[in-house]
Every structure is written in C-alpha cells, then in structure tokens.
C-alpha cells in the first residue's frame, strides 16, 4: 500500500513558475490513502475528485513529562521562538519588534531556538539575524541557538519563557508542527493571524 501525507495542497505561484498538485492528479487517484491536516485541504482534494482515499488527519500535541518543564525567571521577561530558520517565519521581524520594547523599564530577553534548515536561504538568514542583533545593540539580550536540539531540551528551554511567539509572515502550509511544541510547554503562545494556526485557535 502507498500512503501519502501532504502538509500543503494549495497551488504555489512564483515569478515564472507554478506548482500544482493537479499536474499529478492521475497518480494521486492511485494512492491507497492521502492524509491532510486541514479541512480546506480535504475540500480542495474533493473538488479535484479525490474523495474515497482522502483522510483528515489532525496534528496532535505530544505532552511532555513534568520534570522536563521549568518555570520562568521572575526577574526577567523572556520571549521565545521556535522552528526552522526560514524567511517566512518572521524572525527578523521579531527581532525588530523586540528592540522596540521599553528595555529601560523592564528586563527583557529573547530566546531564538531556530535551527538551520539545509538550504542556503537558511544560512543567509542566520547571518542577517546576527547582523541585525548586533546593529540594534541586542547581543547581550538575545540568545540565538541554530543547532537542532533534542526535543526534551527544547521543551525545557521554552518552558522558561513567559511568552512563545510564532511570527510567521506568510505560508501555504496547512498546519504547524512547531506551534504544537510551544503549546506543549503550557506557556502562553502568540501567533500571527494566518490560516496555518487556525486548527489550534481554541
């Protein structure tokens, strides 16, 4: 049997280039099961005639054992961010926004757990982020971790944040695995108003 998980089903249109799943529609009909994470995806595939082999498969949240989780430092307000370091994730915008906080009245820290993705735009973005942090004079307030950490360590570090932010600027993905890591810490989570976060709005 052949089972396919799709994280996005919408057409992708770039200058001079378009990707659409309708170009492989005959192959998709041959699959035993197609799993999608959003109702919009189900309806899109249904409109293309893919009905019997399509399954709505919501992302779950893996809850950690309590010893992993920590408490925030009451002396410092820490804002965290987690996920692969890619341009659409809004990391540069988050650094800019962090710089606008009133650092004279309160002690703020920014924790960026954004691991490098194996593409050149990710390493380019790392350099841009480090340059921006230095240019804004935030190097002593920002902890920027680009290594891919074990899940237990990630959860432990994020659980010490007062707020975890997912500042995505745009994406055609249907559901976010990263935001579920934030939610698993039981810390407050803030997201941008994009459809990728609709399934965790409650």
C-alpha atoms as a PDB file:
ATOM      1  CA  UNK A   1       0.000   0.000   0.000  1.00  0.00           C
ATOM      2  CA  UNK A   2       1.067   3.578  -0.637  1.00  0.00           C
ATOM      3  CA  UNK A   3       0.147   6.293   1.869  1.00  0.00           C
ATOM      4  CA  UNK A   4       0.939   9.984   1.323  1.00  0.00           C
ATOM      5  CA  UNK A   5       0.978  12.799   3.887  1.00  0.00           C
ATOM      6  CA  UNK A   6       0.531  16.300   2.425  1.00  0.00           C
ATOM      7  CA  UNK A   7       1.342  19.352   4.530  1.00  0.00           C
ATOM      8  CA  UNK A   8       0.073  21.727   1.867  1.00  0.00           C
ATOM      9  CA  UNK A   9      -2.256  21.279  -1.105  1.00  0.00           C
ATOM     10  CA  UNK A  10      -2.665  24.837  -2.421  1.00  0.00           C
ATOM     11  CA  UNK A  11      -1.063  25.872  -5.713  1.00  0.00           C
ATOM     12  CA  UNK A  12       2.299  27.620  -5.345  1.00  0.00           C
ATOM     13  CA  UNK A  13       2.809  30.516  -7.751  1.00  0.00           C
ATOM     14  CA  UNK A  14       6.224  32.149  -8.039  1.00  0.00           C
ATOM     15  CA  UNK A  15       7.542  34.513 -10.727  1.00  0.00           C
ATOM     16  CA  UNK A  16       7.780  32.415 -13.876  1.00  0.00           C
ATOM     17  CA  UNK A  17       6.947  29.206 -12.037  1.00  0.00           C
ATOM     18  CA  UNK A  18       3.826  27.438 -10.811  1.00  0.00           C
ATOM     19  CA  UNK A  19       3.415  24.176  -8.903  1.00  0.00           C
ATOM     20  CA  UNK A  20       0.041  22.475  -8.680  1.00  0.00           C
ATOM     21  CA  UNK A  21      -0.983  19.033  -7.484  1.00  0.00           C
ATOM     22  CA  UNK A  22      -3.455  18.832 -10.379  1.00  0.00           C
ATOM     23  CA  UNK A  23      -0.455  18.067 -12.612  1.00  0.00           C
ATOM     24  CA  UNK A  24      -0.164  14.662 -10.864  1.00  0.00           C
ATOM     25  CA  UNK A  25      -3.878  14.093 -10.321  1.00  0.00           C
ATOM     26  CA  UNK A  26      -3.925  10.726 -12.106  1.00  0.00           C
ATOM     27  CA  UNK A  27      -1.161   9.474  -9.774  1.00  0.00           C
ATOM     28  CA  UNK A  28      -2.952  10.763  -6.668  1.00  0.00           C
ATOM     29  CA  UNK A  29      -6.011   8.708  -7.627  1.00  0.00           C
ATOM     30  CA  UNK A  30      -3.855   5.552  -7.455  1.00  0.00           C
ATOM     31  CA  UNK A  31      -2.810   6.042  -3.829  1.00  0.00           C
ATOM     32  CA  UNK A  32      -4.379   3.943  -1.088  1.00  0.00           C
ATOM     33  CA  UNK A  33      -4.653   6.889   1.281  1.00  0.00           C
ATOM     34  CA  UNK A  34      -3.857  10.617   1.254  1.00  0.00           C
ATOM     35  CA  UNK A  35      -3.630  12.292   4.670  1.00  0.00           C
ATOM     36  CA  UNK A  36      -4.105  16.063   5.024  1.00  0.00           C
ATOM     37  CA  UNK A  37      -4.098  18.290   8.107  1.00  0.00           C
ATOM     38  CA  UNK A  38      -6.768  20.858   7.229  1.00  0.00           C
ATOM     39  CA  UNK A  39     -10.435  20.905   6.268  1.00  0.00           C
ATOM     40  CA  UNK A  40      -9.600  23.272   3.396  1.00  0.00           C
ATOM     41  CA  UNK A  41      -7.235  20.595   2.064  1.00  0.00           C
ATOM     42  CA  UNK A  42      -9.971  17.961   2.250  1.00  0.00           C
ATOM     43  CA  UNK A  43     -12.347  20.200   0.335  1.00  0.00           C
ATOM     44  CA  UNK A  44      -9.712  21.105  -2.264  1.00  0.00           C
ATOM     45  CA  UNK A  45      -8.928  17.448  -2.977  1.00  0.00           C
ATOM     46  CA  UNK A  46     -12.641  16.651  -3.027  1.00  0.00           C
ATOM     47  CA  UNK A  47     -13.160  19.325  -5.688  1.00  0.00           C
ATOM     48  CA  UNK A  48     -10.497  17.552  -7.759  1.00  0.00           C
ATOM     49  CA  UNK A  49     -12.391  14.273  -7.492  1.00  0.00           C
ATOM     50  CA  UNK A  50     -10.238  12.780  -4.732  1.00  0.00           C
ATOM     51  CA  UNK A  51     -12.773  11.543  -2.191  1.00  0.00           C
ATOM     52  CA  UNK A  52     -12.528   7.868  -1.267  1.00  0.00           C
ATOM     53  CA  UNK A  53      -8.803   7.855  -0.499  1.00  0.00           C
ATOM     54  CA  UNK A  54      -8.573  11.196   1.375  1.00  0.00           C
ATOM     55  CA  UNK A  55      -8.340  11.252   5.185  1.00  0.00           C
ATOM     56  CA  UNK A  56      -8.420  14.262   7.534  1.00  0.00           C
ATOM     57  CA  UNK A  57      -5.531  13.692   9.962  1.00  0.00           C
ATOM     58  CA  UNK A  58      -5.166  16.488  12.562  1.00  0.00           C
ATOM     59  CA  UNK A  59      -1.749  17.147  14.068  1.00  0.00           C
ATOM     60  CA  UNK A  60      -1.553  16.086  17.692  1.00  0.00           C
ATOM     61  CA  UNK A  61       0.354  17.579  20.607  1.00  0.00           C
ATOM     62  CA  UNK A  62       2.874  15.409  22.446  1.00  0.00           C
ATOM     63  CA  UNK A  63       2.672  16.384  26.105  1.00  0.00           C
ATOM     64  CA  UNK A  64       5.994  16.216  27.971  1.00  0.00           C
ATOM     65  CA  UNK A  65       6.586  14.646  31.334  1.00  0.00           C
ATOM     66  CA  UNK A  66       6.515  17.295  34.068  1.00  0.00           C
ATOM     67  CA  UNK A  67      10.215  17.031  35.124  1.00  0.00           C
ATOM     68  CA  UNK A  68      11.206  18.405  31.692  1.00  0.00           C
ATOM     69  CA  UNK A  69       9.323  21.662  32.223  1.00  0.00           C
ATOM     70  CA  UNK A  70      10.753  24.575  34.177  1.00  0.00           C
ATOM     71  CA  UNK A  71       9.366  27.879  35.467  1.00  0.00           C
ATOM     72  CA  UNK A  72      10.200  31.326  34.041  1.00  0.00           C
ATOM     73  CA  UNK A  73      12.666  33.544  35.882  1.00  0.00           C
ATOM     74  CA  UNK A  74      10.529  36.100  37.812  1.00  0.00           C
ATOM     75  CA  UNK A  75      13.267  38.723  37.445  1.00  0.00           C
ATOM     76  CA  UNK A  76      13.271  38.625  33.630  1.00  0.00           C
ATOM     77  CA  UNK A  77      10.575  38.602  30.957  1.00  0.00           C
ATOM     78  CA  UNK A  78      11.676  36.101  28.324  1.00  0.00           C
ATOM     79  CA  UNK A  79      10.120  35.883  24.872  1.00  0.00           C
ATOM     80  CA  UNK A  80      10.835  32.678  22.969  1.00  0.00           C
ATOM     81  CA  UNK A  81      10.570  31.490  19.391  1.00  0.00           C
ATOM     82  CA  UNK A  82      10.979  28.009  17.928  1.00  0.00           C
ATOM     83  CA  UNK A  83      11.176  26.397  14.493  1.00  0.00           C
ATOM     84  CA  UNK A  84      13.380  26.088  11.455  1.00  0.00           C
ATOM     85  CA  UNK A  85      15.168  29.297  10.420  1.00  0.00           C
ATOM     86  CA  UNK A  86      13.409  30.225   7.169  1.00  0.00           C
ATOM     87  CA  UNK A  87      12.484  33.654   5.726  1.00  0.00           C
ATOM     88  CA  UNK A  88       8.699  33.257   6.021  1.00  0.00           C
ATOM     89  CA  UNK A  89       8.921  32.526   9.764  1.00  0.00           C
ATOM     90  CA  UNK A  90       9.255  36.240  10.650  1.00  0.00           C
ATOM     91  CA  UNK A  91      12.411  36.014  12.777  1.00  0.00           C
ATOM     92  CA  UNK A  92      13.842  39.312  11.514  1.00  0.00           C
ATOM     93  CA  UNK A  93      10.513  40.984  12.230  1.00  0.00           C
ATOM     94  CA  UNK A  94      10.501  39.518  15.741  1.00  0.00           C
ATOM     95  CA  UNK A  95      13.983  40.869  16.460  1.00  0.00           C
ATOM     96  CA  UNK A  96      12.870  44.318  15.238  1.00  0.00           C
ATOM     97  CA  UNK A  97       9.740  44.177  17.412  1.00  0.00           C
ATOM     98  CA  UNK A  98      11.777  43.045  20.431  1.00  0.00           C
ATOM     99  CA  UNK A  99      14.041  46.078  20.023  1.00  0.00           C
ATOM    100  CA  UNK A 100      11.001  48.366  20.375  1.00  0.00           C
ATOM    101  CA  UNK A 101      10.162  47.157  23.897  1.00  0.00           C
ATOM    102  CA  UNK A 102      10.902  49.531  26.772  1.00  0.00           C
ATOM    103  CA  UNK A 103      14.156  47.985  27.920  1.00  0.00           C
ATOM    104  CA  UNK A 104      14.710  50.800  30.415  1.00  0.00           C
ATOM    105  CA  UNK A 105      11.642  49.900  32.478  1.00  0.00           C
ATOM    106  CA  UNK A 106      11.884  46.122  32.355  1.00  0.00           C
ATOM    107  CA  UNK A 107      14.441  43.363  31.854  1.00  0.00           C
ATOM    108  CA  UNK A 108      13.629  41.536  28.622  1.00  0.00           C
ATOM    109  CA  UNK A 109      15.333  38.577  26.965  1.00  0.00           C
ATOM    110  CA  UNK A 110      14.739  36.972  23.570  1.00  0.00           C
ATOM    111  CA  UNK A 111      15.357  33.243  23.106  1.00  0.00           C
ATOM    112  CA  UNK A 112      15.540  32.162  19.465  1.00  0.00           C
ATOM    113  CA  UNK A 113      15.598  28.367  19.078  1.00  0.00           C
ATOM    114  CA  UNK A 114      15.638  28.429  15.280  1.00  0.00           C
ATOM    115  CA  UNK A 115      17.713  25.642  13.813  1.00  0.00           C
ATOM    116  CA  UNK A 116      19.339  25.877  10.403  1.00  0.00           C
ATOM    117  CA  UNK A 117      17.422  24.187   7.584  1.00  0.00           C
ATOM    118  CA  UNK A 118      19.706  22.571   4.968  1.00  0.00           C
ATOM    119  CA  UNK A 119      19.191  25.250   2.295  1.00  0.00           C
ATOM    120  CA  UNK A 120      21.263  28.343   1.524  1.00  0.00           C
ATOM    121  CA  UNK A 121      18.452  30.787   2.369  1.00  0.00           C
ATOM    122  CA  UNK A 122      18.541  29.496   5.941  1.00  0.00           C
ATOM    123  CA  UNK A 123      22.264  30.149   6.443  1.00  0.00           C
ATOM    124  CA  UNK A 124      21.877  33.537   4.717  1.00  0.00           C
ATOM    125  CA  UNK A 125      19.075  34.378   7.146  1.00  0.00           C
ATOM    126  CA  UNK A 126      21.244  33.385  10.109  1.00  0.00           C
ATOM    127  CA  UNK A 127      23.820  35.988   9.029  1.00  0.00           C
ATOM    128  CA  UNK A 128      21.093  38.611   8.562  1.00  0.00           C
ATOM    129  CA  UNK A 129      19.708  37.902  12.031  1.00  0.00           C
ATOM    130  CA  UNK A 130      23.117  38.117  13.698  1.00  0.00           C
ATOM    131  CA  UNK A 131      23.874  41.364  11.849  1.00  0.00           C
ATOM    132  CA  UNK A 132      20.526  42.841  12.924  1.00  0.00           C
ATOM    133  CA  UNK A 133      21.024  41.780  16.553  1.00  0.00           C
ATOM    134  CA  UNK A 134      24.433  43.485  16.613  1.00  0.00           C
ATOM    135  CA  UNK A 135      23.224  46.571  14.755  1.00  0.00           C
ATOM    136  CA  UNK A 136      20.394  47.061  17.249  1.00  0.00           C
ATOM    137  CA  UNK A 137      22.756  46.528  20.190  1.00  0.00           C
ATOM    138  CA  UNK A 138      20.850  43.476  21.431  1.00  0.00           C
ATOM    139  CA  UNK A 139      23.669  40.922  21.558  1.00  0.00           C
ATOM    140  CA  UNK A 140      23.542  40.810  25.391  1.00  0.00           C
ATOM    141  CA  UNK A 141      19.731  40.330  25.382  1.00  0.00           C
ATOM    142  CA  UNK A 142      19.278  37.740  22.616  1.00  0.00           C
ATOM    143  CA  UNK A 143      20.187  34.048  22.850  1.00  0.00           C
ATOM    144  CA  UNK A 144      20.277  32.725  19.266  1.00  0.00           C
ATOM    145  CA  UNK A 145      20.553  28.926  19.003  1.00  0.00           C
ATOM    146  CA  UNK A 146      20.744  27.496  15.475  1.00  0.00           C
ATOM    147  CA  UNK A 147      21.624  23.887  16.370  1.00  0.00           C
ATOM    148  CA  UNK A 148      18.865  21.282  16.173  1.00  0.00           C
ATOM    149  CA  UNK A 149      18.246  20.426  19.827  1.00  0.00           C
ATOM    150  CA  UNK A 150      16.760  17.231  21.282  1.00  0.00           C
ATOM    151  CA  UNK A 151      13.037  17.592  21.975  1.00  0.00           C
ATOM    152  CA  UNK A 152      13.423  17.332  25.749  1.00  0.00           C
ATOM    153  CA  UNK A 153      15.964  20.176  25.818  1.00  0.00           C
ATOM    154  CA  UNK A 154      13.820  22.289  23.507  1.00  0.00           C
ATOM    155  CA  UNK A 155      10.798  21.876  25.772  1.00  0.00           C
ATOM    156  CA  UNK A 156      12.855  22.621  28.875  1.00  0.00           C
ATOM    157  CA  UNK A 157      14.235  25.851  27.404  1.00  0.00           C
ATOM    158  CA  UNK A 158      10.890  27.022  26.019  1.00  0.00           C
ATOM    159  CA  UNK A 159       9.113  26.302  29.306  1.00  0.00           C
ATOM    160  CA  UNK A 160      11.263  29.013  30.922  1.00  0.00           C
ATOM    161  CA  UNK A 161       9.763  31.638  28.586  1.00  0.00           C
ATOM    162  CA  UNK A 162       6.964  33.966  29.606  1.00  0.00           C
ATOM    163  CA  UNK A 163       5.664  34.025  26.036  1.00  0.00           C
ATOM    164  CA  UNK A 164       6.415  31.921  22.952  1.00  0.00           C
ATOM    165  CA  UNK A 165       5.881  33.664  19.623  1.00  0.00           C
ATOM    166  CA  UNK A 166       5.390  32.219  16.127  1.00  0.00           C
ATOM    167  CA  UNK A 167       5.576  35.356  13.967  1.00  0.00           C
ATOM    168  CA  UNK A 168       5.082  33.748  10.527  1.00  0.00           C
ATOM    169  CA  UNK A 169       4.659  36.326   7.760  1.00  0.00           C
ATOM    170  CA  UNK A 170       3.235  34.026   5.077  1.00  0.00           C
ATOM    171  CA  UNK A 171       2.950  30.314   4.346  1.00  0.00           C
ATOM    172  CA  UNK A 172       0.772  27.932   2.365  1.00  0.00           C
ATOM    173  CA  UNK A 173       1.243  25.059   4.793  1.00  0.00           C
ATOM    174  CA  UNK A 174      -1.975  23.804   6.346  1.00  0.00           C
ATOM    175  CA  UNK A 175      -0.796  23.127   9.885  1.00  0.00           C
ATOM    176  CA  UNK A 176       2.195  23.915  12.088  1.00  0.00           C
ATOM    177  CA  UNK A 177       4.122  21.249  13.979  1.00  0.00           C
ATOM    178  CA  UNK A 178       6.303  23.937  15.599  1.00  0.00           C
ATOM    179  CA  UNK A 179       3.412  25.718  17.338  1.00  0.00           C
ATOM    180  CA  UNK A 180       2.453  22.408  18.957  1.00  0.00           C
ATOM    181  CA  UNK A 181       5.860  22.261  20.627  1.00  0.00           C
ATOM    182  CA  UNK A 182       5.149  25.699  22.064  1.00  0.00           C
ATOM    183  CA  UNK A 183       1.701  24.655  23.263  1.00  0.00           C
ATOM    184  CA  UNK A 184       3.126  21.527  24.889  1.00  0.00           C
ATOM    185  CA  UNK A 185       5.090  23.691  27.337  1.00  0.00           C
ATOM    186  CA  UNK A 186       1.903  25.168  28.844  1.00  0.00           C
ATOM    187  CA  UNK A 187       3.362  28.647  28.388  1.00  0.00           C
ATOM    188  CA  UNK A 188       1.350  31.427  26.662  1.00  0.00           C
ATOM    189  CA  UNK A 189       1.666  31.259  22.860  1.00  0.00           C
ATOM    190  CA  UNK A 190       1.172  34.117  20.381  1.00  0.00           C
ATOM    191  CA  UNK A 191       0.833  33.660  16.622  1.00  0.00           C
ATOM    192  CA  UNK A 192       0.214  35.830  13.593  1.00  0.00           C
ATOM    193  CA  UNK A 193      -3.334  35.649  12.133  1.00  0.00           C
ATOM    194  CA  UNK A 194      -2.587  33.095   9.407  1.00  0.00           C
ATOM    195  CA  UNK A 195      -4.612  30.056   8.368  1.00  0.00           C
ATOM    196  CA  UNK A 196      -1.763  27.696   9.368  1.00  0.00           C
ATOM    197  CA  UNK A 197      -2.702  28.357  13.030  1.00  0.00           C
ATOM    198  CA  UNK A 198      -6.491  28.038  12.642  1.00  0.00           C
ATOM    199  CA  UNK A 199      -6.545  24.449  13.873  1.00  0.00           C
ATOM    200  CA  UNK A 200      -5.078  25.466  17.260  1.00  0.00           C
ATOM    201  CA  UNK A 201      -7.048  28.705  17.646  1.00  0.00           C
ATOM    202  CA  UNK A 202      -9.037  27.332  20.596  1.00  0.00           C
END
